[in-house]
Amino acid sequence: MKQVRLDATGFKCPQPVLKIAVISPDMEPGDILEVIGDCPTFEKDVRVWCSRLKKTLLSVCDEGGYRKTIRIRF
């Protein structure tokens, strides 16, 4: 199991989710992806993406303002 960090700070939605989609084929079952973003709809968009692709959203950590760190298990 590996853990990958993706910094999508400064990218406006839907770019953070598109970056997650690019990385996802390299992720194995059980791997953790930690994504940092600051777009106002970042959390909502990632939740929808996880739901559609049946990935587990492990946690959402509010870093202040719109900045959040989201952990996804594949």
PDB file of N, CA and C in Angstrom:
ATOM      1  N   MET A   1       0.845  -1.176   0.000  1.00  0.00           N
ATOM      2  CA  MET A   1       0.000   0.000   0.000  1.00  0.00           C
ATOM      3  C   MET A   1       0.894   1.244   0.000  1.00  0.00           C
ATOM      4  N   LYS A   2       0.558   2.167  -0.903  1.00  0.00           N
ATOM      5  CA  LYS A   2       1.344   3.399  -0.958  1.00  0.00           C
ATOM      6  C   LYS A   2       0.446   4.592  -0.654  1.00  0.00           C
ATOM      7  N   GLN A   3       1.104   5.688  -0.312  1.00  0.00           N
ATOM      8  CA  GLN A   3       0.389   6.932  -0.077  1.00  0.00           C
ATOM      9  C   GLN A   3       0.969   7.987  -1.014  1.00  0.00           C
ATOM     10  N   VAL A   4       0.078   8.664  -1.728  1.00  0.00           N
ATOM     11  CA  VAL A   4       0.475   9.671  -2.717  1.00  0.00           C
ATOM     12  C   VAL A   4      -0.151  10.992  -2.307  1.00  0.00           C
ATOM     13  N   ARG A   5       0.601  12.073  -2.477  1.00  0.00           N
ATOM     14  CA  ARG A   5       0.098  13.412  -2.160  1.00  0.00           C
ATOM     15  C   ARG A   5      -0.012  14.219  -3.450  1.00  0.00           C
ATOM     16  N   LEU A   6      -1.155  14.863  -3.620  1.00  0.00           N
ATOM     17  CA  LEU A   6      -1.413  15.712  -4.787  1.00  0.00           C
ATOM     18  C   LEU A   6      -1.771  17.103  -4.292  1.00  0.00           C
ATOM     19  N   ASP A   7      -0.984  18.089  -4.673  1.00  0.00           N
ATOM     20  CA  ASP A   7      -1.263  19.471  -4.292  1.00  0.00           C
ATOM     21  C   ASP A   7      -1.974  20.155  -5.450  1.00  0.00           C
ATOM     22  N   ALA A   8      -3.273  20.391  -5.276  1.00  0.00           N
ATOM     23  CA  ALA A   8      -4.075  21.060  -6.305  1.00  0.00           C
ATOM     24  C   ALA A   8      -4.413  22.485  -5.878  1.00  0.00           C
ATOM     25  N   THR A   9      -3.614  23.032  -4.972  1.00  0.00           N
ATOM     26  CA  THR A   9      -3.822  24.401  -4.504  1.00  0.00           C
ATOM     27  C   THR A   9      -3.669  25.368  -5.674  1.00  0.00           C
ATOM     28  N   GLY A  10      -4.607  26.292  -5.766  1.00  0.00           N
ATOM     29  CA  GLY A  10      -4.560  27.290  -6.825  1.00  0.00           C
ATOM     30  C   GLY A  10      -5.312  26.902  -8.083  1.00  0.00           C
ATOM     31  N   PHE A  11      -5.684  25.646  -8.191  1.00  0.00           N
ATOM     32  CA  PHE A  11      -6.442  25.200  -9.353  1.00  0.00           C
ATOM     33  C   PHE A  11      -7.929  25.366  -9.087  1.00  0.00           C
ATOM     34  N   LYS A  12      -8.649  25.853 -10.054  1.00  0.00           N
ATOM     35  CA  LYS A  12     -10.095  26.022  -9.935  1.00  0.00           C
ATOM     36  C   LYS A  12     -10.802  24.773 -10.449  1.00  0.00           C
ATOM     37  N   CYS A  13     -11.918  24.468  -9.825  1.00  0.00           N
ATOM     38  CA  CYS A  13     -12.697  23.295 -10.213  1.00  0.00           C
ATOM     39  C   CYS A  13     -13.205  23.462 -11.647  1.00  0.00           C
ATOM     40  N   PRO A  14     -13.145  22.398 -12.406  1.00  0.00           N
ATOM     41  CA  PRO A  14     -12.979  20.990 -12.027  1.00  0.00           C
ATOM     42  C   PRO A  14     -11.543  20.479 -12.107  1.00  0.00           C
ATOM     43  N   GLN A  15     -10.547  21.340 -12.238  1.00  0.00           N
ATOM     44  CA  GLN A  15      -9.175  20.878 -12.420  1.00  0.00           C
ATOM     45  C   GLN A  15      -8.664  19.943 -11.318  1.00  0.00           C
ATOM     46  N   PRO A  16      -8.951  20.187 -10.020  1.00  0.00           N
ATOM     47  CA  PRO A  16      -8.472  19.224  -9.019  1.00  0.00           C
ATOM     48  C   PRO A  16      -9.001  17.808  -9.245  1.00  0.00           C
ATOM     49  N   VAL A  17     -10.274  17.686  -9.592  1.00  0.00           N
ATOM     50  CA  VAL A  17     -10.845  16.356  -9.846  1.00  0.00           C
ATOM     51  C   VAL A  17     -10.246  15.750 -11.111  1.00  0.00           C
ATOM     52  N   LEU A  18      -9.980  16.560 -12.097  1.00  0.00           N
ATOM     53  CA  LEU A  18      -9.337  16.042 -13.312  1.00  0.00           C
ATOM     54  C   LEU A  18      -7.933  15.529 -13.003  1.00  0.00           C
ATOM     55  N   LYS A  19      -7.214  16.202 -12.114  1.00  0.00           N
ATOM     56  CA  LYS A  19      -5.883  15.747 -11.710  1.00  0.00           C
ATOM     57  C   LYS A  19      -5.977  14.420 -10.944  1.00  0.00           C
ATOM     58  N   ILE A  20      -7.018  14.280 -10.120  1.00  0.00           N
ATOM     59  CA  ILE A  20      -7.244  13.008  -9.422  1.00  0.00           C
ATOM     60  C   ILE A  20      -7.502  11.901 -10.447  1.00  0.00           C
ATOM     61  N   ALA A  21      -8.307  12.203 -11.455  1.00  0.00           N
ATOM     62  CA  ALA A  21      -8.631  11.212 -12.488  1.00  0.00           C
ATOM     63  C   ALA A  21      -7.391  10.767 -13.251  1.00  0.00           C
ATOM     64  N   VAL A  22      -6.435  11.663 -13.454  1.00  0.00           N
ATOM     65  CA  VAL A  22      -5.195  11.315 -14.161  1.00  0.00           C
ATOM     66  C   VAL A  22      -4.336  10.377 -13.316  1.00  0.00           C
ATOM     67  N   ILE A  23      -4.307  10.604 -12.003  1.00  0.00           N
ATOM     68  CA  ILE A  23      -3.493   9.779 -11.102  1.00  0.00           C
ATOM     69  C   ILE A  23      -4.143   8.428 -10.814  1.00  0.00           C
ATOM     70  N   SER A  24      -5.468   8.371 -10.818  1.00  0.00           N
ATOM     71  CA  SER A  24      -6.185   7.179 -10.352  1.00  0.00           C
ATOM     72  C   SER A  24      -5.807   5.864 -11.039  1.00  0.00           C
ATOM     73  N   PRO A  25      -5.493   5.837 -12.338  1.00  0.00           N
ATOM     74  CA  PRO A  25      -5.116   4.539 -12.931  1.00  0.00           C
ATOM     75  C   PRO A  25      -3.846   3.936 -12.323  1.00  0.00           C
ATOM     76  N   ASP A  26      -2.985   4.764 -11.732  1.00  0.00           N
ATOM     77  CA  ASP A  26      -1.751   4.269 -11.123  1.00  0.00           C
ATOM     78  C   ASP A  26      -1.946   3.798  -9.684  1.00  0.00           C
ATOM     79  N   MET A  27      -3.135   4.031  -9.129  1.00  0.00           N
ATOM     80  CA  MET A  27      -3.403   3.668  -7.749  1.00  0.00           C
ATOM     81  C   MET A  27      -3.929   2.236  -7.680  1.00  0.00           C
ATOM     82  N   GLU A  28      -3.453   1.487  -6.698  1.00  0.00           N
ATOM     83  CA  GLU A  28      -3.877   0.099  -6.473  1.00  0.00           C
ATOM     84  C   GLU A  28      -4.909   0.057  -5.351  1.00  0.00           C
ATOM     85  N   PRO A  29      -5.704  -0.991  -5.288  1.00  0.00           N
ATOM     86  CA  PRO A  29      -6.641  -1.118  -4.165  1.00  0.00           C
ATOM     87  C   PRO A  29      -5.901  -1.017  -2.825  1.00  0.00           C
ATOM     88  N   GLY A  30      -6.424  -0.176  -1.941  1.00  0.00           N
ATOM     89  CA  GLY A  30      -5.813   0.036  -0.631  1.00  0.00           C
ATOM     90  C   GLY A  30      -4.905   1.249  -0.568  1.00  0.00           C
ATOM     91  N   ASP A  31      -4.451   1.751  -1.724  1.00  0.00           N
ATOM     92  CA  ASP A  31      -3.611   2.949  -1.742  1.00  0.00           C
ATOM     93  C   ASP A  31      -4.406   4.162  -1.253  1.00  0.00           C
ATOM     94  N   ILE A  32      -3.684   5.122  -0.690  1.00  0.00           N
ATOM     95  CA  ILE A  32      -4.291   6.352  -0.176  1.00  0.00           C
ATOM     96  C   ILE A  32      -3.795   7.527  -1.000  1.00  0.00           C
ATOM     97  N   LEU A  33      -4.731   8.366  -1.435  1.00  0.00           N
ATOM     98  CA  LEU A  33      -4.400   9.605  -2.132  1.00  0.00           C
ATOM     99  C   LEU A  33      -4.809  10.761  -1.241  1.00  0.00           C
ATOM    100  N   GLU A  34      -3.850  11.615  -0.916  1.00  0.00           N
ATOM    101  CA  GLU A  34      -4.112  12.816  -0.133  1.00  0.00           C
ATOM    102  C   GLU A  34      -4.079  14.004  -1.087  1.00  0.00           C
ATOM    103  N   VAL A  35      -5.185  14.728  -1.160  1.00  0.00           N
ATOM    104  CA  VAL A  35      -5.313  15.836  -2.103  1.00  0.00           C
ATOM    105  C   VAL A  35      -5.536  17.129  -1.320  1.00  0.00           C
ATOM    106  N   ILE A  36      -4.755  18.137  -1.655  1.00  0.00           N
ATOM    107  CA  ILE A  36      -4.891  19.452  -1.028  1.00  0.00           C
ATOM    108  C   ILE A  36      -5.456  20.391  -2.077  1.00  0.00           C
ATOM    109  N   GLY A  37      -6.510  21.117  -1.719  1.00  0.00           N
ATOM    110  CA  GLY A  37      -7.121  22.046  -2.662  1.00  0.00           C
ATOM    111  C   GLY A  37      -7.739  23.229  -1.951  1.00  0.00           C
ATOM    112  N   ASP A  38      -7.974  24.290  -2.713  1.00  0.00           N
ATOM    113  CA  ASP A  38      -8.551  25.493  -2.122  1.00  0.00           C
ATOM    114  C   ASP A  38      -9.662  26.108  -2.973  1.00  0.00           C
ATOM    115  N   CYS A  39     -10.195  25.349  -3.898  1.00  0.00           N
ATOM    116  CA  CYS A  39     -11.323  25.805  -4.711  1.00  0.00           C
ATOM    117  C   CYS A  39     -12.592  25.731  -3.847  1.00  0.00           C
ATOM    118  N   PRO A  40     -13.496  26.697  -3.964  1.00  0.00           N
ATOM    119  CA  PRO A  40     -14.708  26.684  -3.139  1.00  0.00           C
ATOM    120  C   PRO A  40     -15.550  25.411  -3.252  1.00  0.00           C
ATOM    121  N   THR A  41     -15.558  24.757  -4.401  1.00  0.00           N
ATOM    122  CA  THR A  41     -16.368  23.546  -4.574  1.00  0.00           C
ATOM    123  C   THR A  41     -15.531  22.262  -4.516  1.00  0.00           C
ATOM    124  N   PHE A  42     -14.295  22.370  -4.075  1.00  0.00           N
ATOM    125  CA  PHE A  42     -13.357  21.247  -4.048  1.00  0.00           C
ATOM    126  C   PHE A  42     -13.924  20.037  -3.301  1.00  0.00           C
ATOM    127  N   GLU A  43     -14.363  20.232  -2.059  1.00  0.00           N
ATOM    128  CA  GLU A  43     -14.862  19.105  -1.269  1.00  0.00           C
ATOM    129  C   GLU A  43     -16.071  18.456  -1.923  1.00  0.00           C
ATOM    130  N   LYS A  44     -17.015  19.260  -2.356  1.00  0.00           N
ATOM    131  CA  LYS A  44     -18.230  18.722  -2.988  1.00  0.00           C
ATOM    132  C   LYS A  44     -17.876  17.925  -4.240  1.00  0.00           C
ATOM    133  N   ASP A  45     -17.002  18.462  -5.069  1.00  0.00           N
ATOM    134  CA  ASP A  45     -16.614  17.779  -6.306  1.00  0.00           C
ATOM    135  C   ASP A  45     -15.911  16.452  -6.031  1.00  0.00           C
ATOM    136  N   VAL A  46     -15.042  16.426  -5.020  1.00  0.00           N
ATOM    137  CA  VAL A  46     -14.336  15.181  -4.688  1.00  0.00           C
ATOM    138  C   VAL A  46     -15.316  14.150  -4.119  1.00  0.00           C
ATOM    139  N   ARG A  47     -16.253  14.600  -3.308  1.00  0.00           N
ATOM    140  CA  ARG A  47     -17.272  13.677  -2.770  1.00  0.00           C
ATOM    141  C   ARG A  47     -18.070  13.022  -3.902  1.00  0.00           C
ATOM    142  N   VAL A  48     -18.475  13.819  -4.886  1.00  0.00           N
ATOM    143  CA  VAL A  48     -19.222  13.282  -6.032  1.00  0.00           C
ATOM    144  C   VAL A  48     -18.358  12.297  -6.807  1.00  0.00           C
ATOM    145  N   TRP A  49     -17.101  12.657  -7.047  1.00  0.00           N
ATOM    146  CA  TRP A  49     -16.182  11.782  -7.783  1.00  0.00           C
ATOM    147  C   TRP A  49     -16.027  10.443  -7.054  1.00  0.00           C
ATOM    148  N   CYS A  50     -15.811  10.499  -5.734  1.00  0.00           N
ATOM    149  CA  CYS A  50     -15.652   9.267  -4.950  1.00  0.00           C
ATOM    150  C   CYS A  50     -16.913   8.406  -5.024  1.00  0.00           C
ATOM    151  N   SER A  51     -18.045   9.030  -4.919  1.00  0.00           N
ATOM    152  CA  SER A  51     -19.307   8.297  -4.971  1.00  0.00           C
ATOM    153  C   SER A  51     -19.499   7.612  -6.325  1.00  0.00           C
ATOM    154  N   ARG A  52     -19.235   8.332  -7.377  1.00  0.00           N
ATOM    155  CA  ARG A  52     -19.415   7.768  -8.726  1.00  0.00           C
ATOM    156  C   ARG A  52     -18.461   6.619  -9.018  1.00  0.00           C
ATOM    157  N   LEU A  53     -17.217   6.746  -8.524  1.00  0.00           N
ATOM    158  CA  LEU A  53     -16.212   5.724  -8.824  1.00  0.00           C
ATOM    159  C   LEU A  53     -16.029   4.712  -7.698  1.00  0.00           C
ATOM    160  N   LYS A  54     -16.895   4.806  -6.681  1.00  0.00           N
ATOM    161  CA  LYS A  54     -16.875   3.853  -5.570  1.00  0.00           C
ATOM    162  C   LYS A  54     -15.530   3.821  -4.844  1.00  0.00           C
ATOM    163  N   LYS A  55     -14.974   4.997  -4.609  1.00  0.00           N
ATOM    164  CA  LYS A  55     -13.761   5.152  -3.808  1.00  0.00           C
ATOM    165  C   LYS A  55     -14.184   5.629  -2.422  1.00  0.00           C
ATOM    166  N   THR A  56     -13.388   5.338  -1.411  1.00  0.00           N
ATOM    167  CA  THR A  56     -13.729   5.691  -0.036  1.00  0.00           C
ATOM    168  C   THR A  56     -13.095   7.015   0.349  1.00  0.00           C
ATOM    169  N   LEU A  57     -13.930   7.988   0.690  1.00  0.00           N
ATOM    170  CA  LEU A  57     -13.441   9.260   1.196  1.00  0.00           C
ATOM    171  C   LEU A  57     -13.177   9.062   2.692  1.00  0.00           C
ATOM    172  N   LEU A  58     -11.908   9.050   3.067  1.00  0.00           N
ATOM    173  CA  LEU A  58     -11.532   8.743   4.447  1.00  0.00           C
ATOM    174  C   LEU A  58     -11.690   9.933   5.382  1.00  0.00           C
ATOM    175  N   SER A  59     -11.265  11.114   4.915  1.00  0.00           N
ATOM    176  CA  SER A  59     -11.322  12.280   5.795  1.00  0.00           C
ATOM    177  C   SER A  59     -11.260  13.567   4.989  1.00  0.00           C
ATOM    178  N   VAL A  60     -11.814  14.611   5.613  1.00  0.00           N
ATOM    179  CA  VAL A  60     -11.728  15.969   5.086  1.00  0.00           C
ATOM    180  C   VAL A  60     -11.235  16.833   6.238  1.00  0.00           C
ATOM    181  N   CYS A  61     -10.089  17.455   6.060  1.00  0.00           N
ATOM    182  CA  CYS A  61      -9.510  18.300   7.098  1.00  0.00           C
ATOM    183  C   CYS A  61      -9.550  19.744   6.617  1.00  0.00           C
ATOM    184  N   ASP A  62     -10.277  20.572   7.337  1.00  0.00           N
ATOM    185  CA  ASP A  62     -10.408  21.985   6.995  1.00  0.00           C
ATOM    186  C   ASP A  62      -9.161  22.713   7.477  1.00  0.00           C
ATOM    187  N   GLU A  63      -8.426  23.299   6.545  1.00  0.00           N
ATOM    188  CA  GLU A  63      -7.176  23.988   6.863  1.00  0.00           C
ATOM    189  C   GLU A  63      -7.380  25.498   7.020  1.00  0.00           C
ATOM    190  N   GLY A  64      -8.619  25.957   6.906  1.00  0.00           N
ATOM    191  CA  GLY A  64      -8.905  27.390   7.006  1.00  0.00           C
ATOM    192  C   GLY A  64      -9.243  27.955   5.648  1.00  0.00           C
ATOM    193  N   GLY A  65     -10.209  28.856   5.614  1.00  0.00           N
ATOM    194  CA  GLY A  65     -10.666  29.390   4.336  1.00  0.00           C
ATOM    195  C   GLY A  65     -11.266  28.262   3.518  1.00  0.00           C
ATOM    196  N   TYR A  66     -10.936  28.224   2.251  1.00  0.00           N
ATOM    197  CA  TYR A  66     -11.403  27.136   1.395  1.00  0.00           C
ATOM    198  C   TYR A  66     -10.419  25.981   1.347  1.00  0.00           C
ATOM    199  N   ARG A  67      -9.230  26.141   1.924  1.00  0.00           N
ATOM    200  CA  ARG A  67      -8.171  25.117   1.846  1.00  0.00           C
ATOM    201  C   ARG A  67      -8.557  23.888   2.663  1.00  0.00           C
ATOM    202  N   LYS A  68      -8.501  22.725   1.995  1.00  0.00           N
ATOM    203  CA  LYS A  68      -8.841  21.456   2.633  1.00  0.00           C
ATOM    204  C   LYS A  68      -7.877  20.371   2.183  1.00  0.00           C
ATOM    205  N   THR A  69      -7.694  19.407   3.062  1.00  0.00           N
ATOM    206  CA  THR A  69      -6.946  18.208   2.726  1.00  0.00           C
ATOM    207  C   THR A  69      -7.915  17.033   2.786  1.00  0.00           C
ATOM    208  N   ILE A  70      -8.008  16.320   1.676  1.00  0.00           N
ATOM    209  CA  ILE A  70      -8.942  15.200   1.564  1.00  0.00           C
ATOM    210  C   ILE A  70      -8.143  13.920   1.323  1.00  0.00           C
ATOM    211  N   ARG A  71      -8.495  12.867   2.058  1.00  0.00           N
ATOM    212  CA  ARG A  71      -7.840  11.561   1.903  1.00  0.00           C
ATOM    213  C   ARG A  71      -8.831  10.591   1.288  1.00  0.00           C
ATOM    214  N   ILE A  72      -8.379   9.901   0.228  1.00  0.00           N
ATOM    215  CA  ILE A  72      -9.206   8.951  -0.520  1.00  0.00           C
ATOM    216  C   ILE A  72      -8.505   7.590  -0.521  1.00  0.00           C
ATOM    217  N   ARG A  73      -9.271   6.548  -0.224  1.00  0.00           N
ATOM    218  CA  ARG A  73      -8.725   5.177  -0.328  1.00  0.00           C
ATOM    219  C   ARG A  73      -9.238   4.547  -1.611  1.00  0.00           C
ATOM    220  N   PHE A  74      -8.333   3.954  -2.358  1.00  0.00           N
ATOM    221  CA  PHE A  74      -8.679   3.276  -3.603  1.00  0.00           C
ATOM    222  C   PHE A  74      -8.912   1.808  -3.365  1.00  0.00           C
TER     223      PHE A  74
END
